[in-house]
């Protein structure tokens, strides 16, 4: 509800988060040379991250080979990260490109969402709400501890 009521903020949330550095306040978990990893402030599931190029882009066709490679390497690492820290059984990964796709962030990003067998239930289906079992700060701390070992 916080997301729906607040409206769209000015500026680029990904660029602003990256400028704030790797910390729990910005939700940035890792910064590489060409791509970075941050928690989604409005997650589909606990641990939902966005993998973004460092350079402000809106379309994958604008990416360099180095940006593509580092983005995909971070996606691969997310699968391992989710298994090790959350015992996830799978990962959904996807892009929403353009307003018609439902995309709401004007910075190219790849979603990586940890999944578990049976992680949807009657509350999200009938009640139209999602229950998250951990705060963003708690998730950030847990994931960041593992990322520090990379």
N, C-alpha and C. Protein backbone atom coordinates (compact mmCIF):
# COMPACT_ATOMS: atom_id res chain seq x y z
N UNK A 1 0.82 -1.19 0.00
CA UNK A 1 0.00 0.00 0.00
C UNK A 1 0.87 1.26 0.00
N UNK A 2 2.00 1.18 0.69
CA UNK A 2 2.91 2.33 0.72
C UNK A 2 3.33 2.69 -0.70
N UNK A 3 3.60 1.70 -1.54
CA UNK A 3 4.02 1.93 -2.91
C UNK A 3 2.91 2.59 -3.72
N UNK A 4 1.69 2.11 -3.57
CA UNK A 4 0.56 2.62 -4.34
C UNK A 4 0.25 4.06 -3.96
N UNK A 5 0.25 4.38 -2.68
CA UNK A 5 -0.16 5.70 -2.22
C UNK A 5 0.90 6.79 -2.40
N UNK A 6 2.15 6.43 -2.43
CA UNK A 6 3.19 7.46 -2.45
C UNK A 6 3.37 8.11 -3.81
N UNK A 7 2.93 7.47 -4.87
CA UNK A 7 3.17 8.02 -6.20
C UNK A 7 4.59 7.79 -6.64
N UNK A 8 4.89 8.20 -7.83
CA UNK A 8 6.22 7.97 -8.38
C UNK A 8 7.15 9.11 -8.00
N UNK A 9 8.27 8.79 -7.33
CA UNK A 9 9.19 9.86 -6.93
C UNK A 9 9.97 10.39 -8.13
N UNK A 10 10.41 11.65 -8.06
CA UNK A 10 11.24 12.19 -9.15
C UNK A 10 12.62 11.54 -9.13
N UNK A 11 13.32 11.57 -10.24
CA UNK A 11 14.66 11.02 -10.30
C UNK A 11 14.67 9.52 -10.50
N UNK A 12 15.85 8.96 -10.49
CA UNK A 12 16.04 7.52 -10.69
C UNK A 12 16.38 6.87 -9.36
N UNK A 13 15.50 5.97 -8.90
CA UNK A 13 15.73 5.34 -7.59
C UNK A 13 16.99 4.49 -7.58
N UNK A 14 17.32 3.86 -8.70
CA UNK A 14 18.51 3.01 -8.76
C UNK A 14 19.78 3.86 -8.70
N UNK A 15 19.84 4.93 -9.49
CA UNK A 15 21.02 5.80 -9.48
C UNK A 15 21.20 6.47 -8.12
N UNK A 16 20.09 6.89 -7.50
CA UNK A 16 20.16 7.53 -6.19
C UNK A 16 20.63 6.53 -5.13
N UNK A 17 20.14 5.30 -5.19
CA UNK A 17 20.57 4.29 -4.23
C UNK A 17 22.06 4.02 -4.39
N UNK A 18 22.51 3.86 -5.63
CA UNK A 18 23.92 3.57 -5.87
C UNK A 18 24.80 4.71 -5.37
N UNK A 19 24.37 5.96 -5.58
CA UNK A 19 25.14 7.11 -5.12
C UNK A 19 25.26 7.13 -3.60
N UNK A 20 24.30 6.52 -2.90
CA UNK A 20 24.33 6.47 -1.45
C UNK A 20 25.24 5.40 -0.88
N UNK A 21 25.77 4.54 -1.74
CA UNK A 21 26.72 3.52 -1.30
C UNK A 21 26.07 2.22 -0.88
N UNK A 22 26.92 1.28 -0.54
CA UNK A 22 26.50 -0.05 -0.09
C UNK A 22 26.16 0.03 1.39
N UNK A 23 24.86 0.01 1.71
CA UNK A 23 24.43 0.06 3.10
C UNK A 23 22.96 -0.30 3.20
N UNK A 24 22.51 -0.54 4.42
CA UNK A 24 21.13 -0.98 4.65
C UNK A 24 20.11 0.11 4.32
N UNK A 25 20.49 1.36 4.44
CA UNK A 25 19.56 2.45 4.15
C UNK A 25 19.23 2.52 2.66
N UNK A 26 20.24 2.38 1.80
CA UNK A 26 20.02 2.43 0.35
C UNK A 26 19.53 1.10 -0.19
N UNK A 27 19.73 0.03 0.58
CA UNK A 27 19.41 -1.35 0.21
C UNK A 27 20.36 -1.91 -0.84
N UNK A 28 21.44 -1.18 -1.17
CA UNK A 28 22.44 -1.69 -2.10
C UNK A 28 23.28 -2.73 -1.37
N UNK A 29 23.33 -3.92 -1.94
CA UNK A 29 24.04 -5.05 -1.33
C UNK A 29 25.46 -5.21 -1.85
N UNK A 30 25.67 -4.85 -3.11
CA UNK A 30 26.96 -5.10 -3.76
C UNK A 30 27.11 -4.15 -4.94
N UNK A 31 28.30 -3.61 -5.12
CA UNK A 31 28.60 -2.80 -6.30
C UNK A 31 29.78 -3.42 -7.00
N UNK A 32 29.57 -3.78 -8.26
CA UNK A 32 30.65 -4.26 -9.09
C UNK A 32 31.13 -3.15 -10.01
N UNK A 33 31.95 -3.48 -10.96
CA UNK A 33 32.46 -2.47 -11.90
C UNK A 33 31.36 -2.01 -12.85
N UNK A 34 30.53 -2.94 -13.32
CA UNK A 34 29.52 -2.63 -14.34
C UNK A 34 28.08 -2.85 -13.90
N UNK A 35 27.88 -3.52 -12.77
CA UNK A 35 26.52 -3.83 -12.31
C UNK A 35 26.49 -3.85 -10.79
N UNK A 36 25.30 -3.63 -10.25
CA UNK A 36 25.15 -3.67 -8.79
C UNK A 36 23.88 -4.40 -8.43
N UNK A 37 23.81 -4.76 -7.16
CA UNK A 37 22.72 -5.57 -6.64
C UNK A 37 22.07 -4.81 -5.49
N UNK A 38 20.74 -4.68 -5.54
CA UNK A 38 20.03 -4.02 -4.45
C UNK A 38 18.72 -4.74 -4.16
N UNK A 39 18.30 -4.68 -2.89
CA UNK A 39 17.00 -5.22 -2.53
C UNK A 39 15.90 -4.37 -3.16
N UNK A 40 14.83 -5.02 -3.55
CA UNK A 40 13.65 -4.31 -4.02
C UNK A 40 12.90 -3.81 -2.79
N UNK A 41 12.64 -2.51 -2.74
CA UNK A 41 11.96 -1.91 -1.59
C UNK A 41 10.52 -2.41 -1.43
N UNK A 42 9.93 -2.89 -2.52
CA UNK A 42 8.57 -3.42 -2.49
C UNK A 42 8.60 -4.84 -3.07
N UNK A 43 9.13 -5.79 -2.28
CA UNK A 43 9.44 -7.13 -2.80
C UNK A 43 8.22 -7.99 -3.08
N UNK A 44 8.36 -8.84 -4.09
CA UNK A 44 7.37 -9.88 -4.37
C UNK A 44 7.49 -11.01 -3.36
N UNK A 45 8.69 -11.18 -2.81
CA UNK A 45 9.00 -12.24 -1.87
C UNK A 45 10.19 -11.78 -1.04
N UNK A 46 10.39 -12.34 0.13
CA UNK A 46 11.58 -12.03 0.93
C UNK A 46 12.82 -12.32 0.08
N UNK A 47 13.75 -11.39 0.06
CA UNK A 47 14.99 -11.58 -0.68
C UNK A 47 14.97 -11.06 -2.11
N UNK A 48 13.85 -10.54 -2.57
CA UNK A 48 13.71 -10.04 -3.95
C UNK A 48 14.75 -8.95 -4.20
N UNK A 49 15.62 -9.18 -5.17
CA UNK A 49 16.65 -8.21 -5.52
C UNK A 49 16.49 -7.73 -6.96
N UNK A 50 17.14 -6.61 -7.23
CA UNK A 50 17.23 -6.08 -8.58
C UNK A 50 18.71 -5.99 -8.93
N UNK A 51 19.04 -6.47 -10.12
CA UNK A 51 20.40 -6.40 -10.63
C UNK A 51 20.40 -5.33 -11.70
N UNK A 52 21.18 -4.28 -11.48
CA UNK A 52 21.13 -3.10 -12.34
C UNK A 52 22.52 -2.79 -12.91
N UNK A 53 22.58 -2.30 -14.14
CA UNK A 53 23.86 -1.78 -14.61
C UNK A 53 24.21 -0.51 -13.82
N UNK A 54 25.49 -0.27 -13.59
CA UNK A 54 25.92 0.93 -12.90
C UNK A 54 25.54 2.15 -13.75
N UNK A 55 25.75 2.05 -15.04
CA UNK A 55 25.42 3.14 -15.97
C UNK A 55 23.90 3.20 -16.12
N UNK A 56 23.36 4.41 -16.14
CA UNK A 56 21.91 4.57 -16.30
C UNK A 56 21.51 4.20 -17.72
N UNK A 57 20.73 3.12 -17.83
CA UNK A 57 20.23 2.62 -19.11
C UNK A 57 18.76 2.29 -18.95
N UNK A 58 18.03 2.22 -20.07
CA UNK A 58 16.63 1.80 -20.00
C UNK A 58 16.34 0.59 -20.87
N UNK A 59 17.25 0.22 -21.75
CA UNK A 59 16.99 -0.87 -22.69
C UNK A 59 18.21 -1.78 -22.76
N UNK A 60 18.01 -3.09 -22.78
CA UNK A 60 19.16 -4.02 -22.85
C UNK A 60 20.01 -3.84 -24.10
N UNK A 61 19.43 -3.30 -25.18
CA UNK A 61 20.20 -3.10 -26.41
C UNK A 61 21.29 -2.04 -26.23
N UNK A 62 21.20 -1.26 -25.16
CA UNK A 62 22.20 -0.23 -24.88
C UNK A 62 23.37 -0.76 -24.05
N UNK A 63 23.25 -2.00 -23.56
CA UNK A 63 24.28 -2.56 -22.69
C UNK A 63 25.53 -2.95 -23.46
N UNK A 64 26.67 -2.76 -22.81
CA UNK A 64 27.93 -3.26 -23.37
C UNK A 64 28.03 -4.75 -23.02
N UNK A 65 28.95 -5.43 -23.67
CA UNK A 65 29.17 -6.84 -23.35
C UNK A 65 29.58 -7.01 -21.89
N UNK A 66 30.40 -6.08 -21.38
CA UNK A 66 30.85 -6.16 -19.99
C UNK A 66 29.68 -6.00 -19.03
N UNK A 67 28.74 -5.10 -19.34
CA UNK A 67 27.57 -4.91 -18.48
C UNK A 67 26.68 -6.15 -18.51
N UNK A 68 26.50 -6.72 -19.70
CA UNK A 68 25.69 -7.94 -19.81
C UNK A 68 26.31 -9.09 -19.03
N UNK A 69 27.61 -9.27 -19.19
CA UNK A 69 28.29 -10.37 -18.53
C UNK A 69 28.21 -10.23 -17.01
N UNK A 70 28.49 -9.05 -16.49
CA UNK A 70 28.46 -8.88 -15.04
C UNK A 70 27.04 -9.02 -14.49
N UNK A 71 26.04 -8.55 -15.23
CA UNK A 71 24.65 -8.71 -14.82
C UNK A 71 24.28 -10.18 -14.72
N UNK A 72 24.64 -10.96 -15.72
CA UNK A 72 24.31 -12.38 -15.71
C UNK A 72 25.11 -13.14 -14.65
N UNK A 73 26.34 -12.73 -14.41
CA UNK A 73 27.12 -13.36 -13.34
C UNK A 73 26.49 -13.08 -11.98
N UNK A 74 25.97 -11.86 -11.79
CA UNK A 74 25.30 -11.56 -10.54
C UNK A 74 24.02 -12.37 -10.40
N UNK A 75 23.30 -12.58 -11.50
CA UNK A 75 22.11 -13.43 -11.45
C UNK A 75 22.47 -14.85 -11.01
N UNK A 76 23.53 -15.39 -11.58
CA UNK A 76 23.97 -16.73 -11.20
C UNK A 76 24.35 -16.78 -9.72
N UNK A 77 25.01 -15.74 -9.25
CA UNK A 77 25.40 -15.70 -7.84
C UNK A 77 24.18 -15.57 -6.93
N UNK A 78 23.14 -14.89 -7.41
CA UNK A 78 21.92 -14.75 -6.60
C UNK A 78 21.30 -16.11 -6.32
N UNK A 79 21.28 -16.99 -7.30
CA UNK A 79 20.74 -18.33 -7.06
C UNK A 79 21.46 -19.02 -5.93
N UNK A 80 22.78 -18.95 -5.95
CA UNK A 80 23.58 -19.55 -4.88
C UNK A 80 23.35 -18.82 -3.56
N UNK A 81 23.29 -17.50 -3.61
CA UNK A 81 23.06 -16.69 -2.42
C UNK A 81 21.73 -17.06 -1.77
N UNK A 82 20.68 -17.20 -2.56
CA UNK A 82 19.36 -17.54 -2.03
C UNK A 82 19.34 -18.95 -1.43
N UNK A 83 20.03 -19.87 -2.08
CA UNK A 83 20.09 -21.24 -1.54
C UNK A 83 20.84 -21.27 -0.21
N UNK A 84 21.96 -20.58 -0.14
CA UNK A 84 22.81 -20.61 1.05
C UNK A 84 22.22 -19.85 2.23
N UNK A 85 21.57 -18.73 1.97
CA UNK A 85 21.09 -17.89 3.08
C UNK A 85 19.63 -18.09 3.43
N UNK A 86 18.84 -18.63 2.49
CA UNK A 86 17.40 -18.73 2.69
C UNK A 86 16.84 -20.11 2.39
N UNK A 87 17.71 -21.03 1.99
CA UNK A 87 17.27 -22.37 1.64
C UNK A 87 16.22 -22.35 0.52
N UNK A 88 16.39 -21.41 -0.42
CA UNK A 88 15.44 -21.28 -1.53
C UNK A 88 15.55 -22.49 -2.45
N UNK A 89 14.42 -22.89 -3.00
CA UNK A 89 14.38 -24.03 -3.91
C UNK A 89 14.42 -23.64 -5.37
N UNK A 90 14.37 -22.34 -5.65
CA UNK A 90 14.39 -21.86 -7.03
C UNK A 90 14.48 -20.35 -7.08
N UNK A 91 14.53 -19.83 -8.30
CA UNK A 91 14.63 -18.39 -8.52
C UNK A 91 13.78 -18.03 -9.73
N UNK A 92 12.98 -16.98 -9.60
CA UNK A 92 12.35 -16.36 -10.76
C UNK A 92 13.23 -15.19 -11.15
N UNK A 93 13.49 -15.04 -12.45
CA UNK A 93 14.28 -13.92 -12.95
C UNK A 93 13.54 -13.31 -14.12
N UNK A 94 13.52 -11.99 -14.18
CA UNK A 94 12.80 -11.38 -15.29
C UNK A 94 13.03 -9.89 -15.42
N UNK A 95 12.68 -9.40 -16.60
CA UNK A 95 12.77 -7.99 -16.95
C UNK A 95 11.38 -7.47 -17.29
N UNK A 96 11.09 -6.24 -16.90
CA UNK A 96 9.90 -5.54 -17.34
C UNK A 96 10.39 -4.35 -18.15
N UNK A 97 10.24 -4.42 -19.46
CA UNK A 97 10.78 -3.39 -20.34
C UNK A 97 9.66 -2.52 -20.90
N UNK A 98 9.67 -1.25 -20.52
CA UNK A 98 8.68 -0.30 -20.99
C UNK A 98 7.45 -0.24 -20.12
N UNK A 99 6.73 0.87 -20.23
CA UNK A 99 5.54 1.11 -19.40
C UNK A 99 4.47 0.06 -19.62
N UNK A 100 4.31 -0.43 -20.85
CA UNK A 100 3.27 -1.42 -21.14
C UNK A 100 3.53 -2.75 -20.44
N UNK A 101 4.77 -3.00 -20.04
CA UNK A 101 5.11 -4.26 -19.37
C UNK A 101 4.83 -4.22 -17.88
N UNK A 102 4.49 -3.06 -17.38
CA UNK A 102 4.29 -2.91 -15.94
C UNK A 102 5.52 -2.36 -15.24
N UNK A 103 6.58 -2.10 -16.00
CA UNK A 103 7.79 -1.54 -15.41
C UNK A 103 7.53 -0.17 -14.82
N UNK A 104 8.09 0.10 -13.65
CA UNK A 104 7.86 1.39 -13.00
C UNK A 104 9.16 2.10 -12.63
N UNK A 105 10.30 1.52 -12.96
CA UNK A 105 11.60 2.12 -12.65
C UNK A 105 12.31 2.40 -13.97
N UNK A 106 12.68 3.65 -14.19
CA UNK A 106 13.34 4.02 -15.44
C UNK A 106 14.85 3.79 -15.38
N UNK A 107 15.23 2.63 -14.95
CA UNK A 107 16.63 2.19 -14.94
C UNK A 107 16.56 0.69 -15.19
N UNK A 108 17.20 0.23 -16.22
CA UNK A 108 17.18 -1.18 -16.56
C UNK A 108 17.55 -2.01 -15.33
N UNK A 109 16.77 -3.03 -15.06
CA UNK A 109 17.07 -3.92 -13.93
C UNK A 109 16.46 -5.29 -14.18
N UNK A 110 17.15 -6.27 -13.69
CA UNK A 110 16.74 -7.67 -13.77
C UNK A 110 16.29 -8.09 -12.38
N UNK A 111 15.05 -8.54 -12.26
CA UNK A 111 14.54 -9.02 -10.98
C UNK A 111 15.03 -10.44 -10.74
N UNK A 112 15.44 -10.72 -9.51
CA UNK A 112 15.76 -12.08 -9.07
C UNK A 112 14.99 -12.30 -7.77
N UNK A 113 14.09 -13.27 -7.79
CA UNK A 113 13.18 -13.50 -6.67
C UNK A 113 13.35 -14.94 -6.18
N UNK A 114 13.77 -15.12 -4.92
CA UNK A 114 13.88 -16.49 -4.39
C UNK A 114 12.50 -17.11 -4.27
N UNK A 115 12.43 -18.42 -4.52
CA UNK A 115 11.15 -19.13 -4.46
C UNK A 115 11.31 -20.42 -3.68
N UNK A 116 10.19 -20.83 -3.05
CA UNK A 116 10.11 -22.07 -2.30
C UNK A 116 8.86 -22.80 -2.74
N UNK A 117 8.88 -24.11 -2.68
CA UNK A 117 7.69 -24.89 -2.99
C UNK A 117 6.59 -24.48 -2.01
N UNK A 118 5.43 -24.10 -2.54
CA UNK A 118 4.31 -23.72 -1.70
C UNK A 118 4.40 -22.32 -1.13
N UNK A 119 5.22 -21.44 -1.71
CA UNK A 119 5.36 -20.10 -1.12
C UNK A 119 4.22 -19.15 -1.46
N UNK A 120 3.25 -19.59 -2.22
CA UNK A 120 2.02 -18.81 -2.37
C UNK A 120 0.94 -19.53 -1.58
N UNK A 121 0.02 -18.77 -1.03
CA UNK A 121 -1.01 -19.37 -0.19
C UNK A 121 -2.31 -18.59 -0.31
N UNK A 122 -3.27 -18.97 0.47
CA UNK A 122 -4.59 -18.34 0.37
C UNK A 122 -4.57 -16.86 0.70
N UNK A 123 -3.64 -16.41 1.55
CA UNK A 123 -3.61 -14.99 1.92
C UNK A 123 -3.33 -14.13 0.69
N UNK A 124 -2.32 -14.51 -0.10
CA UNK A 124 -1.99 -13.70 -1.27
C UNK A 124 -3.02 -13.88 -2.39
N UNK A 125 -3.62 -15.04 -2.50
CA UNK A 125 -4.58 -15.29 -3.57
C UNK A 125 -5.95 -14.70 -3.24
N UNK A 126 -6.49 -15.02 -2.10
CA UNK A 126 -7.85 -14.57 -1.73
C UNK A 126 -7.82 -13.16 -1.12
N UNK A 127 -6.85 -12.91 -0.26
CA UNK A 127 -6.79 -11.63 0.45
C UNK A 127 -6.15 -10.51 -0.34
N UNK A 128 -5.48 -10.85 -1.45
CA UNK A 128 -4.84 -9.82 -2.25
C UNK A 128 -3.72 -9.11 -1.51
N UNK A 129 -3.05 -9.83 -0.62
CA UNK A 129 -1.95 -9.24 0.14
C UNK A 129 -0.80 -10.23 0.20
N UNK A 130 0.38 -9.76 0.53
CA UNK A 130 1.56 -10.62 0.62
C UNK A 130 2.14 -10.50 2.02
N UNK A 131 2.41 -11.61 2.64
CA UNK A 131 3.02 -11.64 3.96
C UNK A 131 4.52 -11.84 3.79
N UNK A 132 5.30 -10.94 4.36
CA UNK A 132 6.76 -11.07 4.34
C UNK A 132 7.22 -11.37 5.76
N UNK A 133 8.08 -12.36 5.88
CA UNK A 133 8.46 -12.85 7.20
C UNK A 133 9.67 -12.15 7.80
N UNK A 134 10.20 -11.16 7.10
CA UNK A 134 11.41 -10.51 7.57
C UNK A 134 11.42 -9.07 7.09
N UNK A 135 12.00 -8.17 7.86
CA UNK A 135 12.12 -6.77 7.43
C UNK A 135 13.17 -6.66 6.34
N UNK A 136 13.11 -5.58 5.58
CA UNK A 136 14.13 -5.33 4.57
C UNK A 136 15.52 -5.24 5.20
N UNK A 137 15.61 -4.58 6.34
CA UNK A 137 16.91 -4.43 7.02
C UNK A 137 17.46 -5.78 7.45
N UNK A 138 16.58 -6.66 7.96
CA UNK A 138 17.02 -8.00 8.34
C UNK A 138 17.49 -8.80 7.15
N UNK A 139 16.77 -8.71 6.05
CA UNK A 139 17.18 -9.41 4.82
C UNK A 139 18.49 -8.85 4.32
N UNK A 140 18.62 -7.53 4.29
CA UNK A 140 19.86 -6.90 3.82
C UNK A 140 21.05 -7.39 4.64
N UNK A 141 20.91 -7.41 5.95
CA UNK A 141 22.01 -7.83 6.83
C UNK A 141 22.40 -9.28 6.56
N UNK A 142 21.40 -10.14 6.43
CA UNK A 142 21.68 -11.57 6.20
C UNK A 142 22.36 -11.78 4.85
N UNK A 143 21.85 -11.16 3.79
CA UNK A 143 22.44 -11.34 2.46
C UNK A 143 23.81 -10.68 2.38
N UNK A 144 23.96 -9.51 2.95
CA UNK A 144 25.22 -8.78 2.89
C UNK A 144 26.34 -9.57 3.56
N UNK A 145 26.05 -10.23 4.65
CA UNK A 145 27.06 -11.04 5.35
C UNK A 145 27.63 -12.09 4.41
N UNK A 146 26.79 -12.76 3.65
CA UNK A 146 27.25 -13.77 2.70
C UNK A 146 27.98 -13.13 1.53
N UNK A 147 27.50 -11.99 1.05
CA UNK A 147 28.13 -11.30 -0.09
C UNK A 147 29.53 -10.84 0.28
N UNK A 148 29.76 -10.44 1.52
CA UNK A 148 31.09 -10.00 1.93
C UNK A 148 32.15 -11.07 1.72
N UNK A 149 31.72 -12.32 1.64
CA UNK A 149 32.67 -13.43 1.43
C UNK A 149 32.97 -13.65 -0.07
N UNK A 150 32.28 -12.93 -0.95
CA UNK A 150 32.51 -13.11 -2.41
C UNK A 150 33.91 -12.73 -2.78
